[in-house]
Amino acid sequence: MEEEKQVMEGAATAARRRLVIGVGFWVQGFRLFPWLGVNFFLKDGMGVAASSLQILQASANLPMVAKPLIGLLSDAVPIRGHRRLPYVAIGALLQAISWLAIALWQDISLQVLTIFLLLSNFGASICEVANDAIVAESGKKAASSSGSASYAAIPFLLGTMFFYQTEVLRLDSSVIGLSKVFGQVALLAWSMSYNKYFKTMSARKLLSVLQFVTALVMLSDVLFVQGVYRKVGIPDSIYTIVFSGLLEGLMFFKVLPFSVHVAKLCPAGCEGSVMAFVMSALALATIVSGYLGVALAAFMGVSGDDFSALPACLLIEAACTMLPLCCSSLIKERREKEKKQE
């Protein structure tokens, strides 16, 4: 009877934990939509240039780099006996305060808006650290096959493409929003497919294929900007919804197998710190990539009024995306070492 009671209590705890994780990530996913509104407000309401918009987008992720410190804090300083859920509540409160202030403050200045965006991402980083730690704690209890990956700084041109889609192609905001939705649906579908079909696949092959597919989609953007798809009868709106959304989703596809691998290696009680460090490194890479994208666009002469050099910029972006494939052999060496240790 005692064993059955413990099993039932453990199952109930696991169910509650899965619910918290699911709701947490579900709510965090909605952050894409207010950010889309912020992009339009900065462009149309404040007249921010394409380069300034991308710099602001990248800089707003700076609080994400502080994730290791937040992870250490959540591991070492429990609040009323709990190490995760109180931090989720604090992060959610900070985000609610910042977004309400942005929504209700009339005639908000760019400086004040930037401060609230930083506060919002700081709250998001607290929530994500706690959620990642809960996932890591749960992942250690289940057997899973995964691998590791290396990440390279790629000059992202998301801000420039946003201006091209809205200023040159005159796409409606609903089209841009649907592309975000499609990207998140693709990410969800990939998560389920990975869990069902790809967990046993070689990490080296899986990550290399994902990197190669990302580069192909970027090359497809070159044809899109040059109007090739429009000439063969594919509307700009359809391409933007499907391929632009897919590209944003692909940026996160590699995170899943890598995160599962790190979760298995986390020492007990340090899940928050280790996962926070990994996500912090990814956030820093995203920030650097955003700055490199601004530098590349400025060097090539791309601006809000002149997109003639955008195809060349996209080619350079795709070429940089292929560079990590040169280091893919390191993944195999690590897997071989793990097998020897086992």
Protein backbone atom coordinates (compact mmCIF):
# COMPACT_ATOMS: atom_id res chain seq x y z
CA MET A 1 0.00 0.00 0.00
CA GLU A 2 2.78 2.40 0.85
CA GLU A 3 4.48 1.75 -2.48
CA GLU A 4 1.23 2.25 -4.40
CA LYS A 5 0.60 5.50 -2.54
CA GLN A 6 4.10 6.76 -3.37
CA VAL A 7 3.65 5.80 -7.02
CA MET A 8 0.33 7.67 -7.19
CA GLU A 9 1.80 10.74 -5.50
CA GLY A 10 4.76 10.66 -7.88
CA ALA A 11 2.44 10.42 -10.89
CA ALA A 12 0.34 13.33 -9.62
CA THR A 13 3.45 15.44 -9.06
CA ALA A 14 4.73 14.62 -12.55
CA ALA A 15 1.35 15.56 -14.06
CA ARG A 16 1.33 18.91 -12.25
CA ARG A 17 4.90 19.54 -13.36
CA ARG A 18 4.05 18.81 -16.99
CA LEU A 19 1.06 21.16 -16.72
CA VAL A 20 3.23 23.96 -15.35
CA ILE A 21 5.83 23.40 -18.09
CA GLY A 22 3.20 23.33 -20.83
CA VAL A 23 1.34 26.42 -19.66
CA GLY A 24 4.63 28.26 -19.08
CA PHE A 25 5.95 27.69 -22.58
CA TRP A 26 2.50 28.25 -24.09
CA VAL A 27 2.23 31.68 -22.46
CA GLN A 28 5.83 32.55 -23.35
CA GLY A 29 5.01 31.79 -26.98
CA PHE A 30 2.46 34.61 -27.01
CA ARG A 31 5.31 37.09 -26.52
CA LEU A 32 5.84 36.94 -30.28
CA PHE A 33 2.64 38.85 -30.95
CA PRO A 34 3.22 41.99 -28.83
CA TRP A 35 6.76 42.09 -30.24
CA LEU A 36 5.28 42.14 -33.74
CA GLY A 37 3.17 45.11 -32.68
CA VAL A 38 6.27 46.80 -31.25
CA ASN A 39 8.04 46.38 -34.59
CA PHE A 40 5.20 48.10 -36.44
CA PHE A 41 4.98 50.83 -33.80
CA LEU A 42 8.71 51.54 -34.05
CA LYS A 43 8.60 51.62 -37.85
CA ASP A 44 5.34 53.50 -38.43
CA GLY A 45 4.77 55.37 -35.17
CA MET A 46 8.32 56.44 -34.35
CA GLY A 47 9.90 56.34 -37.80
CA VAL A 48 12.81 54.15 -36.67
CA ALA A 49 15.20 53.12 -39.46
CA ALA A 50 15.75 49.47 -40.40
CA SER A 51 19.23 49.36 -38.85
CA SER A 52 18.03 51.01 -35.62
CA LEU A 53 15.12 48.57 -35.41
CA GLN A 54 17.43 45.57 -35.69
CA ILE A 55 19.86 47.02 -33.13
CA LEU A 56 16.97 47.51 -30.71
CA GLN A 57 15.70 43.97 -31.37
CA ALA A 58 19.13 42.53 -30.63
CA SER A 59 19.83 44.76 -27.62
CA ALA A 60 16.50 43.88 -26.03
CA ASN A 61 17.83 40.33 -25.61
CA LEU A 62 20.65 41.50 -23.32
CA PRO A 63 18.78 40.41 -20.13
CA MET A 64 18.82 36.87 -21.53
CA VAL A 65 22.61 36.83 -21.16
CA ALA A 66 22.13 37.14 -17.38
CA LYS A 67 20.45 33.72 -17.25
CA PRO A 68 23.41 31.99 -15.53
CA LEU A 69 23.16 34.41 -12.59
CA ILE A 70 19.40 33.87 -12.41
CA GLY A 71 19.96 30.11 -12.59
CA LEU A 72 22.44 30.22 -9.73
CA LEU A 73 20.00 32.30 -7.71
CA SER A 74 17.10 29.89 -8.31
CA ASP A 75 19.31 26.90 -7.42
CA ALA A 76 20.77 28.45 -4.27
CA VAL A 77 17.95 30.63 -2.89
CA PRO A 78 14.59 28.86 -2.57
CA ILE A 79 11.57 31.04 -1.85
CA ARG A 80 9.33 29.58 0.87
CA GLY A 81 10.80 26.16 0.22
CA HIS A 82 10.37 26.24 -3.57
CA ARG A 83 13.16 26.81 -6.10
CA ARG A 84 11.21 27.15 -9.37
CA LEU A 85 7.56 28.24 -9.22
CA PRO A 86 8.09 31.49 -7.22
CA TYR A 87 10.60 32.61 -9.85
CA VAL A 88 8.06 31.89 -12.59
CA ALA A 89 5.59 34.13 -10.75
CA ILE A 90 8.15 36.94 -10.35
CA GLY A 91 9.08 36.79 -14.03
CA ALA A 92 5.43 36.83 -15.10
CA LEU A 93 4.75 39.87 -12.88
CA LEU A 94 7.65 41.82 -14.41
CA GLN A 95 6.42 41.05 -17.92
CA ALA A 96 2.86 42.07 -17.07
CA ILE A 97 4.03 45.38 -15.60
CA SER A 98 6.22 46.22 -18.60
CA TRP A 99 3.66 45.34 -21.30
CA LEU A 100 0.84 47.15 -19.48
CA ALA A 101 3.02 50.24 -19.19
CA ILE A 102 3.84 50.11 -22.91
CA ALA A 103 0.15 49.68 -23.80
CA LEU A 104 -1.20 52.43 -21.53
CA TRP A 105 1.57 55.06 -21.67
CA GLN A 106 0.64 57.66 -24.25
CA ASP A 107 3.42 59.53 -26.08
CA ILE A 108 6.01 57.07 -24.80
CA SER A 109 9.57 57.96 -25.82
CA LEU A 110 12.00 55.57 -27.49
CA GLN A 111 14.24 55.54 -24.40
CA VAL A 112 11.39 54.66 -22.02
CA LEU A 113 10.08 52.04 -24.45
CA THR A 114 13.53 50.44 -24.58
CA ILE A 115 13.67 50.29 -20.76
CA PHE A 116 10.31 48.52 -20.57
CA LEU A 117 11.30 46.10 -23.33
CA LEU A 118 14.45 45.25 -21.38
CA LEU A 119 12.35 44.76 -18.23
CA SER A 120 9.98 42.49 -20.14
CA ASN A 121 12.82 40.32 -21.41
CA PHE A 122 14.34 40.24 -17.92
CA GLY A 123 11.07 38.82 -16.63
CA ALA A 124 10.98 36.39 -19.55
CA SER A 125 14.52 35.24 -18.77
CA ILE A 126 13.51 34.48 -15.16
CA CYS A 127 10.53 32.42 -16.35
CA GLU A 128 12.58 30.57 -18.95
CA VAL A 129 15.34 29.71 -16.45
CA ALA A 130 12.77 28.19 -14.09
CA ASN A 131 10.98 26.34 -16.90
CA ASP A 132 14.25 25.00 -18.34
CA ALA A 133 15.29 23.79 -14.88
CA ILE A 134 11.99 21.96 -14.42
CA VAL A 135 12.45 20.34 -17.85
CA ALA A 136 16.01 19.34 -16.93
CA GLU A 137 14.89 17.84 -13.62
CA SER A 138 12.21 15.85 -15.41
CA GLY A 139 14.48 14.84 -18.29
CA LYS A 140 16.97 13.19 -15.94
CA LYS A 141 14.31 10.68 -14.92
CA ALA A 142 13.59 9.45 -18.45
CA ALA A 143 15.94 7.71 -20.84
CA SER A 144 16.49 9.61 -24.05
CA SER A 145 18.98 9.71 -26.89
CA SER A 146 20.48 13.03 -27.89
CA GLY A 147 23.59 14.82 -29.03
CA SER A 148 25.47 18.07 -28.81
CA ALA A 149 25.93 20.88 -31.28
CA SER A 150 28.06 23.91 -32.00
CA TYR A 151 26.56 27.28 -32.84
CA ALA A 152 28.01 29.95 -35.08
CA ALA A 153 27.31 33.67 -35.22
CA ILE A 154 25.37 34.37 -38.41
CA PRO A 155 24.59 37.92 -39.58
CA PHE A 156 20.81 37.78 -39.22
CA LEU A 157 18.83 40.19 -41.40
CA LEU A 158 15.43 39.83 -39.72
CA GLY A 159 14.95 43.58 -39.25
CA THR A 160 15.95 44.31 -42.85
CA MET A 161 13.59 41.62 -44.17
CA PHE A 162 10.79 43.06 -42.02
CA PHE A 163 11.27 46.45 -43.66
CA TYR A 164 11.46 44.86 -47.13
CA GLN A 165 8.22 42.93 -46.60
CA THR A 166 6.30 45.93 -45.24
CA GLU A 167 7.82 48.85 -47.18
CA VAL A 168 8.56 47.32 -50.60
CA LEU A 169 6.06 44.46 -50.83
CA ARG A 170 3.45 46.32 -48.75
CA LEU A 171 2.37 43.14 -47.00
CA ASP A 172 -0.39 43.47 -44.43
CA SER A 173 0.42 43.05 -40.75
CA SER A 174 -1.86 39.99 -40.67
CA VAL A 175 0.45 38.25 -43.16
CA ILE A 176 3.48 38.92 -40.97
CA GLY A 177 1.54 37.67 -37.95
CA LEU A 178 0.50 34.48 -39.75
CA SER A 179 4.14 33.81 -40.63
CA LYS A 180 4.96 33.90 -36.89
CA VAL A 181 2.11 31.48 -36.20
CA PHE A 182 3.29 29.13 -38.96
CA GLY A 183 6.82 29.16 -37.53
CA GLN A 184 5.56 28.22 -34.07
CA VAL A 185 3.35 25.46 -35.48
CA ALA A 186 6.35 24.11 -37.40
CA LEU A 187 8.39 24.19 -34.19
CA LEU A 188 5.67 22.28 -32.34
CA ALA A 189 5.44 19.71 -35.14
CA TRP A 190 9.22 19.29 -35.07
CA SER A 191 9.18 18.74 -31.30
CA MET A 192 6.65 15.93 -31.62
CA SER A 193 8.45 14.42 -34.62
CA TYR A 194 11.78 14.49 -32.81
CA ASN A 195 10.34 12.73 -29.79
CA LYS A 196 8.72 10.04 -31.95
CA TYR A 197 11.12 9.49 -34.86
CA PHE A 198 14.47 11.24 -34.47
CA LYS A 199 15.62 10.58 -30.89
CA THR A 200 17.64 7.57 -32.03
CA MET A 201 19.12 9.31 -35.06
CA SER A 202 22.79 10.28 -35.04
CA ALA A 203 23.10 13.77 -33.57
CA ARG A 204 25.79 14.65 -36.09
CA LYS A 205 23.54 13.78 -39.04
CA LEU A 206 20.47 15.42 -37.54
CA LEU A 207 22.13 18.72 -36.70
CA SER A 208 24.00 18.83 -40.02
CA VAL A 209 20.78 18.29 -41.95
CA LEU A 210 19.01 21.03 -39.98
CA GLN A 211 21.88 23.44 -40.61
CA PHE A 212 21.87 22.61 -44.32
CA VAL A 213 18.09 23.05 -44.61
CA THR A 214 18.36 26.44 -42.87
CA ALA A 215 20.93 27.54 -45.45
CA LEU A 216 18.68 26.33 -48.29
CA VAL A 217 15.75 28.39 -47.00
CA MET A 218 18.04 31.43 -46.80
CA LEU A 219 19.08 30.83 -50.41
CA SER A 220 15.40 30.60 -51.28
CA ASP A 221 15.00 34.11 -49.84
CA VAL A 222 17.40 35.34 -52.53
CA LEU A 223 15.03 34.09 -55.24
CA PHE A 224 12.13 35.62 -53.31
CA VAL A 225 13.72 39.07 -53.17
CA GLN A 226 14.56 38.88 -56.88
CA GLY A 227 10.91 38.15 -57.68
CA VAL A 228 11.45 34.66 -59.12
CA TYR A 229 8.61 33.06 -57.15
CA ARG A 230 6.27 35.89 -58.07
CA LYS A 231 6.94 35.22 -61.76
CA VAL A 232 6.01 31.54 -61.43
CA GLY A 233 2.72 32.40 -59.73
CA ILE A 234 3.53 32.14 -56.01
CA PRO A 235 2.15 35.23 -54.19
CA ASP A 236 4.50 37.14 -51.92
CA SER A 237 2.08 36.68 -49.02
CA ILE A 238 2.09 32.87 -49.32
CA TYR A 239 5.88 32.73 -49.47
CA THR A 240 6.19 35.03 -46.46
CA ILE A 241 3.76 32.99 -44.37
CA VAL A 242 5.32 29.62 -45.20
CA PHE A 243 9.03 30.16 -45.76
CA SER A 244 9.68 33.21 -43.58
CA GLY A 245 7.81 31.51 -40.75
CA LEU A 246 9.67 28.26 -41.36
CA LEU A 247 13.03 30.06 -41.31
CA GLU A 248 12.31 31.61 -37.91
CA GLY A 249 11.28 28.18 -36.62
CA LEU A 250 14.40 26.54 -38.04
CA MET A 251 16.55 28.85 -35.93
CA PHE A 252 15.28 26.97 -32.86
CA PHE A 253 15.10 23.42 -34.23
CA LYS A 254 18.69 22.61 -33.19
CA VAL A 255 18.07 23.71 -29.61
CA LEU A 256 15.90 20.67 -28.82
CA PRO A 257 18.43 17.80 -29.20
CA PHE A 258 21.14 19.93 -27.63
CA SER A 259 18.99 20.82 -24.62
CA VAL A 260 18.01 17.19 -24.03
CA HIS A 261 21.67 16.18 -24.08
CA VAL A 262 22.64 18.89 -21.59
CA ALA A 263 19.71 17.95 -19.35
CA LYS A 264 21.04 14.40 -19.06
CA LEU A 265 24.46 15.67 -18.02
CA CYS A 266 23.20 18.15 -15.40
CA PRO A 267 24.35 17.33 -11.84
CA ALA A 268 21.46 17.04 -9.41
CA GLY A 269 20.50 20.42 -7.99
CA CYS A 270 22.35 22.41 -10.68
CA GLU A 271 19.79 22.12 -13.47
CA GLY A 272 18.90 25.80 -13.36
CA SER A 273 22.52 26.96 -13.55
CA VAL A 274 23.59 24.65 -16.38
CA MET A 275 20.53 25.15 -18.57
CA ALA A 276 20.67 28.88 -17.93
CA PHE A 277 24.29 28.99 -19.11
CA VAL A 278 23.38 27.14 -22.31
CA MET A 279 20.44 29.43 -23.08
CA SER A 280 22.55 32.47 -22.19
CA ALA A 281 25.15 31.43 -24.75
CA LEU A 282 22.42 31.09 -27.38
CA ALA A 283 21.02 34.52 -26.48
CA LEU A 284 24.48 36.07 -26.74
CA ALA A 285 24.96 34.44 -30.16
CA THR A 286 21.62 35.90 -31.28
CA ILE A 287 22.63 39.38 -30.10
CA VAL A 288 25.99 39.20 -31.87
CA SER A 289 24.26 37.91 -35.01
CA GLY A 290 21.85 40.83 -34.95
CA TYR A 291 24.70 43.33 -34.68
CA LEU A 292 26.60 41.57 -37.47
CA GLY A 293 23.47 41.77 -39.61
CA VAL A 294 23.30 45.53 -39.08
CA ALA A 295 26.99 45.87 -39.93
CA LEU A 296 26.57 43.73 -43.06
CA ALA A 297 23.55 45.72 -44.25
CA ALA A 298 25.38 49.02 -43.65
CA PHE A 299 28.50 47.78 -45.43
CA MET A 300 26.50 46.61 -48.45
CA GLY A 301 24.47 49.83 -48.56
CA VAL A 302 21.08 48.34 -47.67
CA SER A 303 18.71 50.85 -46.06
CA GLY A 304 15.00 51.47 -45.65
CA ASP A 305 14.94 53.12 -49.08
CA ASP A 306 17.44 50.98 -51.00
CA PHE A 307 17.25 47.16 -51.04
CA SER A 308 19.23 46.58 -54.23
CA ALA A 309 22.07 44.83 -52.36
CA LEU A 310 19.73 42.68 -50.24
CA PRO A 311 20.20 39.52 -52.40
CA ALA A 312 23.98 39.72 -51.92
CA CYS A 313 23.49 40.12 -48.16
CA LEU A 314 21.26 37.05 -48.09
CA LEU A 315 23.89 35.04 -49.99
CA ILE A 316 26.50 36.01 -47.39
CA GLU A 317 24.08 35.06 -44.61
CA ALA A 318 23.52 31.62 -46.20
CA ALA A 319 27.27 31.09 -46.63
CA CYS A 320 27.87 31.88 -42.95
CA THR A 321 25.13 29.41 -42.04
CA MET A 322 27.10 26.64 -43.76
CA LEU A 323 30.27 27.31 -41.73
CA PRO A 324 29.24 25.24 -38.66
CA LEU A 325 29.10 22.15 -40.90
CA CYS A 326 32.90 22.25 -40.96
CA CYS A 327 32.86 21.48 -37.22
CA SER A 328 30.22 18.75 -37.34
CA SER A 329 32.88 16.04 -36.87
CA LEU A 330 33.31 17.25 -33.28
CA ILE A 331 29.85 15.93 -32.48
CA LYS A 332 30.86 12.42 -33.53
CA GLU A 333 34.02 12.52 -31.41
CA ARG A 334 32.02 13.49 -28.35
CA ARG A 335 29.54 10.67 -28.90
CA GLU A 336 32.37 8.15 -29.25
CA LYS A 337 33.86 9.29 -25.96
CA GLU A 338 30.51 8.88 -24.24
CA LYS A 339 30.20 5.30 -25.54
CA LYS A 340 33.68 4.45 -24.27
CA GLN A 341 32.85 5.85 -20.85
CA GLU A 342 29.65 3.80 -20.73
